[in-house]
């Protein structure tokens, strides 16, 4: 079986970077060819969760190639049919809104647009504090669009952050494999954490 050519696009939900990278390290060797992509914010911003350079280097090391981080670098994804599946993990509320409204003005959103031109699956791993508020409409829009699949998600802190949703990143491999078959991994909604 040929490896799945998997684009891994990271947006600026910095608090989830360590979890996402940990999951990527556990992907089975030979099952995927990994192409790393980062938004401008995730590529350049140092936060209390870590230095941008550290995350860039770790992602490049896991994938075995340099991180794509400019619009010019990701544009060929569509015309050259570089990917089988594109996963946006983590996917911020800002990126959700742009994708729901067809806006492609960042490396990640343009990578998605370029990939969708080939009618291929996009997997979204939500991580946003306003998923059950300002971004609820964007989530609904994308759930109804063809070729979009979601990592199963749930409230990560129902009482402290009642509108916050985070995907279960440990389900990345299963979700990508399901999306490659044209199926949404179920159950989509996970129990709330208190």
C-alpha atoms as a PDB file:
ATOM      1  CA  UNK A   1       0.000   0.000   0.000  1.00  0.00           C
ATOM      2  CA  UNK A   2       1.324   3.423  -1.008  1.00  0.00           C
ATOM      3  CA  UNK A   3       1.886   5.875   1.855  1.00  0.00           C
ATOM      4  CA  UNK A   4      -0.708   8.639   2.247  1.00  0.00           C
ATOM      5  CA  UNK A   5       0.782  12.002   1.272  1.00  0.00           C
ATOM      6  CA  UNK A   6      -0.361  14.012   4.268  1.00  0.00           C
ATOM      7  CA  UNK A   7      -0.043  17.771   4.553  1.00  0.00           C
ATOM      8  CA  UNK A   8       0.206  18.905   8.168  1.00  0.00           C
ATOM      9  CA  UNK A   9      -0.772  22.562   8.554  1.00  0.00           C
ATOM     10  CA  UNK A  10      -0.360  24.194  11.962  1.00  0.00           C
ATOM     11  CA  UNK A  11      -2.175  27.390  12.970  1.00  0.00           C
ATOM     12  CA  UNK A  12      -1.567  29.537  16.028  1.00  0.00           C
ATOM     13  CA  UNK A  13      -3.348  27.648  18.797  1.00  0.00           C
ATOM     14  CA  UNK A  14      -0.010  27.574  20.576  1.00  0.00           C
ATOM     15  CA  UNK A  15      -1.264  25.797  23.706  1.00  0.00           C
ATOM     16  CA  UNK A  16      -1.850  22.630  21.644  1.00  0.00           C
ATOM     17  CA  UNK A  17       1.470  22.514  19.755  1.00  0.00           C
ATOM     18  CA  UNK A  18       3.176  20.087  22.157  1.00  0.00           C
ATOM     19  CA  UNK A  19       0.178  17.698  21.987  1.00  0.00           C
ATOM     20  CA  UNK A  20       0.033  17.846  18.196  1.00  0.00           C
ATOM     21  CA  UNK A  21       3.766  17.245  17.791  1.00  0.00           C
ATOM     22  CA  UNK A  22       3.585  14.323  20.209  1.00  0.00           C
ATOM     23  CA  UNK A  23       0.861  12.712  18.070  1.00  0.00           C
ATOM     24  CA  UNK A  24       2.859  13.320  14.884  1.00  0.00           C
ATOM     25  CA  UNK A  25       5.870  11.560  16.409  1.00  0.00           C
ATOM     26  CA  UNK A  26       3.703   8.467  16.970  1.00  0.00           C
ATOM     27  CA  UNK A  27       2.445   8.138  13.381  1.00  0.00           C
ATOM     28  CA  UNK A  28       3.598   4.775  12.000  1.00  0.00           C
ATOM     29  CA  UNK A  29       6.699   4.878   9.833  1.00  0.00           C
ATOM     30  CA  UNK A  30       5.954   4.202   6.202  1.00  0.00           C
ATOM     31  CA  UNK A  31       2.209   4.858   6.492  1.00  0.00           C
ATOM     32  CA  UNK A  32       2.490   8.568   5.673  1.00  0.00           C
ATOM     33  CA  UNK A  33       4.685  10.937   3.717  1.00  0.00           C
ATOM     34  CA  UNK A  34       4.475  14.145   5.761  1.00  0.00           C
ATOM     35  CA  UNK A  35       4.568  17.657   4.280  1.00  0.00           C
ATOM     36  CA  UNK A  36       4.757  20.358   6.996  1.00  0.00           C
ATOM     37  CA  UNK A  37       3.018  23.738   6.644  1.00  0.00           C
ATOM     38  CA  UNK A  38       2.777  26.565   9.175  1.00  0.00           C
ATOM     39  CA  UNK A  39       0.810  29.785   9.271  1.00  0.00           C
ATOM     40  CA  UNK A  40       2.821  32.978   9.528  1.00  0.00           C
ATOM     41  CA  UNK A  41       1.820  33.362  13.190  1.00  0.00           C
ATOM     42  CA  UNK A  42       2.818  29.813  14.122  1.00  0.00           C
ATOM     43  CA  UNK A  43       6.063  30.074  12.142  1.00  0.00           C
ATOM     44  CA  UNK A  44       7.230  33.345  13.725  1.00  0.00           C
ATOM     45  CA  UNK A  45       5.591  33.887  17.130  1.00  0.00           C
ATOM     46  CA  UNK A  46       7.306  33.072  20.410  1.00  0.00           C
ATOM     47  CA  UNK A  47       4.790  32.496  23.216  1.00  0.00           C
ATOM     48  CA  UNK A  48       4.700  31.300  26.813  1.00  0.00           C
ATOM     49  CA  UNK A  49       4.234  27.808  25.344  1.00  0.00           C
ATOM     50  CA  UNK A  50       7.581  27.875  23.550  1.00  0.00           C
ATOM     51  CA  UNK A  51       9.799  29.480  20.944  1.00  0.00           C
ATOM     52  CA  UNK A  52       8.683  29.489  17.321  1.00  0.00           C
ATOM     53  CA  UNK A  53      12.083  28.238  16.210  1.00  0.00           C
ATOM     54  CA  UNK A  54      11.779  25.193  18.479  1.00  0.00           C
ATOM     55  CA  UNK A  55       8.378  24.239  17.018  1.00  0.00           C
ATOM     56  CA  UNK A  56       9.578  24.863  13.436  1.00  0.00           C
ATOM     57  CA  UNK A  57      12.620  22.657  13.937  1.00  0.00           C
ATOM     58  CA  UNK A  58      10.667  19.892  15.622  1.00  0.00           C
ATOM     59  CA  UNK A  59       7.995  19.823  12.902  1.00  0.00           C
ATOM     60  CA  UNK A  60      10.656  19.775  10.171  1.00  0.00           C
ATOM     61  CA  UNK A  61      12.513  16.960  11.935  1.00  0.00           C
ATOM     62  CA  UNK A  62       9.352  14.840  12.359  1.00  0.00           C
ATOM     63  CA  UNK A  63       8.394  15.326   8.698  1.00  0.00           C
ATOM     64  CA  UNK A  64      11.903  15.043   7.298  1.00  0.00           C
ATOM     65  CA  UNK A  65      11.663  18.255   5.285  1.00  0.00           C
ATOM     66  CA  UNK A  66      11.577  22.019   5.632  1.00  0.00           C
ATOM     67  CA  UNK A  67       8.352  23.712   6.686  1.00  0.00           C
ATOM     68  CA  UNK A  68       6.345  25.507   3.992  1.00  0.00           C
ATOM     69  CA  UNK A  69       5.371  28.887   5.419  1.00  0.00           C
ATOM     70  CA  UNK A  70       4.677  31.305   2.557  1.00  0.00           C
ATOM     71  CA  UNK A  71       1.859  31.634   0.066  1.00  0.00           C
ATOM     72  CA  UNK A  72       4.321  31.099  -2.804  1.00  0.00           C
ATOM     73  CA  UNK A  73       5.534  27.816  -1.249  1.00  0.00           C
ATOM     74  CA  UNK A  74       2.050  26.308  -0.793  1.00  0.00           C
ATOM     75  CA  UNK A  75       0.503  27.422  -4.106  1.00  0.00           C
ATOM     76  CA  UNK A  76       1.860  24.373  -6.063  1.00  0.00           C
ATOM     77  CA  UNK A  77      -0.054  21.976  -3.767  1.00  0.00           C
ATOM     78  CA  UNK A  78      -3.050  22.172  -6.097  1.00  0.00           C
ATOM     79  CA  UNK A  79      -1.572  22.239  -9.595  1.00  0.00           C
ATOM     80  CA  UNK A  80       1.014  19.544  -8.770  1.00  0.00           C
ATOM     81  CA  UNK A  81      -1.463  17.417  -6.746  1.00  0.00           C
ATOM     82  CA  UNK A  82       1.094  17.099  -3.959  1.00  0.00           C
ATOM     83  CA  UNK A  83      -1.240  15.778  -1.236  1.00  0.00           C
ATOM     84  CA  UNK A  84      -3.772  13.016  -0.719  1.00  0.00           C
ATOM     85  CA  UNK A  85      -5.099  14.529   2.528  1.00  0.00           C
ATOM     86  CA  UNK A  86      -4.455  17.891   4.188  1.00  0.00           C
ATOM     87  CA  UNK A  87      -4.865  18.114   7.974  1.00  0.00           C
ATOM     88  CA  UNK A  88      -5.061  21.488   9.717  1.00  0.00           C
ATOM     89  CA  UNK A  89      -3.975  20.665  13.270  1.00  0.00           C
ATOM     90  CA  UNK A  90      -4.552  22.785  15.246  1.00  0.00           C
ATOM     91  CA  UNK A  91      -7.186  24.780  13.371  1.00  0.00           C
ATOM     92  CA  UNK A  92      -7.950  28.109  15.029  1.00  0.00           C
ATOM     93  CA  UNK A  93     -11.240  29.966  15.031  1.00  0.00           C
ATOM     94  CA  UNK A  94      -9.729  32.545  12.701  1.00  0.00           C
ATOM     95  CA  UNK A  95      -8.802  29.866  10.163  1.00  0.00           C
ATOM     96  CA  UNK A  96     -12.217  28.185  10.541  1.00  0.00           C
ATOM     97  CA  UNK A  97     -13.918  31.479   9.691  1.00  0.00           C
ATOM     98  CA  UNK A  98     -11.706  32.095   6.687  1.00  0.00           C
ATOM     99  CA  UNK A  99     -12.278  28.587   5.326  1.00  0.00           C
ATOM    100  CA  UNK A 100     -16.041  28.841   5.868  1.00  0.00           C
ATOM    101  CA  UNK A 101     -16.084  32.075   3.884  1.00  0.00           C
ATOM    102  CA  UNK A 102     -13.680  31.086   1.103  1.00  0.00           C
ATOM    103  CA  UNK A 103     -10.876  33.408   2.205  1.00  0.00           C
ATOM    104  CA  UNK A 104      -7.385  32.216   1.200  1.00  0.00           C
ATOM    105  CA  UNK A 105      -4.957  34.882   2.396  1.00  0.00           C
ATOM    106  CA  UNK A 106      -2.551  32.856   4.565  1.00  0.00           C
ATOM    107  CA  UNK A 107      -0.248  29.911   3.819  1.00  0.00           C
ATOM    108  CA  UNK A 108      -2.668  27.531   5.557  1.00  0.00           C
ATOM    109  CA  UNK A 109      -5.892  28.799   3.968  1.00  0.00           C
ATOM    110  CA  UNK A 110      -4.270  28.922   0.523  1.00  0.00           C
ATOM    111  CA  UNK A 111      -2.940  25.378   1.014  1.00  0.00           C
ATOM    112  CA  UNK A 112      -6.515  24.260   1.751  1.00  0.00           C
ATOM    113  CA  UNK A 113      -7.879  26.112  -1.288  1.00  0.00           C
ATOM    114  CA  UNK A 114      -5.174  24.677  -3.545  1.00  0.00           C
ATOM    115  CA  UNK A 115      -5.764  21.154  -2.207  1.00  0.00           C
ATOM    116  CA  UNK A 116      -9.556  21.377  -2.586  1.00  0.00           C
ATOM    117  CA  UNK A 117      -9.170  22.151  -6.269  1.00  0.00           C
ATOM    118  CA  UNK A 118      -8.348  18.445  -6.619  1.00  0.00           C
ATOM    119  CA  UNK A 119     -11.521  17.364  -4.749  1.00  0.00           C
ATOM    120  CA  UNK A 120      -9.440  15.807  -1.972  1.00  0.00           C
ATOM    121  CA  UNK A 121     -10.149  15.659   1.781  1.00  0.00           C
ATOM    122  CA  UNK A 122      -9.271  18.294   4.352  1.00  0.00           C
ATOM    123  CA  UNK A 123      -9.223  17.282   8.036  1.00  0.00           C
ATOM    124  CA  UNK A 124      -9.761  20.019  10.637  1.00  0.00           C
ATOM    125  CA  UNK A 125      -8.609  19.675  14.249  1.00  0.00           C
ATOM    126  CA  UNK A 126     -10.451  22.480  16.030  1.00  0.00           C
ATOM    127  CA  UNK A 127      -8.870  24.385  18.891  1.00  0.00           C
ATOM    128  CA  UNK A 128     -10.674  27.614  19.720  1.00  0.00           C
ATOM    129  CA  UNK A 129     -12.113  29.287  22.811  1.00  0.00           C
ATOM    130  CA  UNK A 130     -15.138  30.610  20.899  1.00  0.00           C
ATOM    131  CA  UNK A 131     -16.268  27.481  19.034  1.00  0.00           C
ATOM    132  CA  UNK A 132     -19.663  27.553  20.746  1.00  0.00           C
ATOM    133  CA  UNK A 133     -19.998  31.300  20.248  1.00  0.00           C
ATOM    134  CA  UNK A 134     -18.575  33.328  17.346  1.00  0.00           C
ATOM    135  CA  UNK A 135     -17.234  30.289  15.487  1.00  0.00           C
ATOM    136  CA  UNK A 136     -20.293  28.072  15.803  1.00  0.00           C
ATOM    137  CA  UNK A 137     -21.594  29.280  12.429  1.00  0.00           C
ATOM    138  CA  UNK A 138     -18.235  28.558  10.760  1.00  0.00           C
ATOM    139  CA  UNK A 139     -18.177  25.030  12.178  1.00  0.00           C
ATOM    140  CA  UNK A 140     -21.727  24.433  10.940  1.00  0.00           C
ATOM    141  CA  UNK A 141     -20.848  25.753   7.494  1.00  0.00           C
ATOM    142  CA  UNK A 142     -17.790  23.514   7.197  1.00  0.00           C
ATOM    143  CA  UNK A 143     -19.628  20.442   8.516  1.00  0.00           C
ATOM    144  CA  UNK A 144     -22.015  20.860   5.583  1.00  0.00           C
ATOM    145  CA  UNK A 145     -19.311  21.376   2.931  1.00  0.00           C
ATOM    146  CA  UNK A 146     -18.019  18.574   0.768  1.00  0.00           C
ATOM    147  CA  UNK A 147     -14.465  17.339   1.392  1.00  0.00           C
ATOM    148  CA  UNK A 148     -14.206  18.700   4.975  1.00  0.00           C
ATOM    149  CA  UNK A 149     -13.788  16.231   7.838  1.00  0.00           C
ATOM    150  CA  UNK A 150     -13.240  16.901  11.528  1.00  0.00           C
ATOM    151  CA  UNK A 151     -11.153  15.303  14.212  1.00  0.00           C
ATOM    152  CA  UNK A 152     -13.665  14.343  16.900  1.00  0.00           C
ATOM    153  CA  UNK A 153     -13.967  17.231  19.345  1.00  0.00           C
ATOM    154  CA  UNK A 154     -15.478  18.263  22.666  1.00  0.00           C
ATOM    155  CA  UNK A 155     -15.496  20.919  25.332  1.00  0.00           C
ATOM    156  CA  UNK A 156     -12.095  20.968  26.990  1.00  0.00           C
ATOM    157  CA  UNK A 157     -13.166  22.829  30.139  1.00  0.00           C
ATOM    158  CA  UNK A 158     -16.955  23.128  30.242  1.00  0.00           C
ATOM    159  CA  UNK A 159     -17.181  25.238  33.399  1.00  0.00           C
ATOM    160  CA  UNK A 160     -14.084  27.428  33.121  1.00  0.00           C
ATOM    161  CA  UNK A 161     -14.361  27.967  29.327  1.00  0.00           C
ATOM    162  CA  UNK A 162     -17.918  26.998  28.358  1.00  0.00           C
ATOM    163  CA  UNK A 163     -17.543  28.013  24.692  1.00  0.00           C
ATOM    164  CA  UNK A 164     -14.192  26.339  24.099  1.00  0.00           C
ATOM    165  CA  UNK A 165     -13.733  23.260  21.897  1.00  0.00           C
ATOM    166  CA  UNK A 166     -10.596  21.193  21.315  1.00  0.00           C
ATOM    167  CA  UNK A 167     -10.144  18.228  19.002  1.00  0.00           C
ATOM    168  CA  UNK A 168      -8.822  14.904  20.241  1.00  0.00           C
ATOM    169  CA  UNK A 169      -5.522  15.038  18.370  1.00  0.00           C
ATOM    170  CA  UNK A 170      -4.748  11.435  19.327  1.00  0.00           C
ATOM    171  CA  UNK A 171      -7.366  10.428  16.714  1.00  0.00           C
ATOM    172  CA  UNK A 172      -5.422  12.023  13.848  1.00  0.00           C
ATOM    173  CA  UNK A 173      -4.376   8.794  12.119  1.00  0.00           C
ATOM    174  CA  UNK A 174      -7.861   7.252  12.261  1.00  0.00           C
ATOM    175  CA  UNK A 175      -9.510  10.479  11.097  1.00  0.00           C
ATOM    176  CA  UNK A 176      -7.103  10.905   8.171  1.00  0.00           C
ATOM    177  CA  UNK A 177      -7.572   7.294   7.085  1.00  0.00           C
ATOM    178  CA  UNK A 178     -11.377   7.673   7.295  1.00  0.00           C
ATOM    179  CA  UNK A 179     -11.272  10.947   5.349  1.00  0.00           C
ATOM    180  CA  UNK A 180      -9.132   9.289   2.659  1.00  0.00           C
ATOM    181  CA  UNK A 181     -12.029   6.828   2.228  1.00  0.00           C
ATOM    182  CA  UNK A 182     -14.554   9.690   2.156  1.00  0.00           C
ATOM    183  CA  UNK A 183     -15.925   8.960   5.647  1.00  0.00           C
ATOM    184  CA  UNK A 184     -16.214  11.078   8.797  1.00  0.00           C
ATOM    185  CA  UNK A 185     -14.753   9.285  11.818  1.00  0.00           C
ATOM    186  CA  UNK A 186     -17.475   8.751  14.415  1.00  0.00           C
ATOM    187  CA  UNK A 187     -18.472   9.665  17.002  1.00  0.00           C
ATOM    188  CA  UNK A 188     -17.750  13.273  16.104  1.00  0.00           C
ATOM    189  CA  UNK A 189     -18.810  14.793  19.432  1.00  0.00           C
ATOM    190  CA  UNK A 190     -16.894  13.723  22.513  1.00  0.00           C
ATOM    191  CA  UNK A 191     -17.969  14.028  26.130  1.00  0.00           C
ATOM    192  CA  UNK A 192     -17.295  17.349  27.812  1.00  0.00           C
ATOM    193  CA  UNK A 193     -14.391  17.641  30.245  1.00  0.00           C
ATOM    194  CA  UNK A 194     -15.078  19.559  33.402  1.00  0.00           C
END
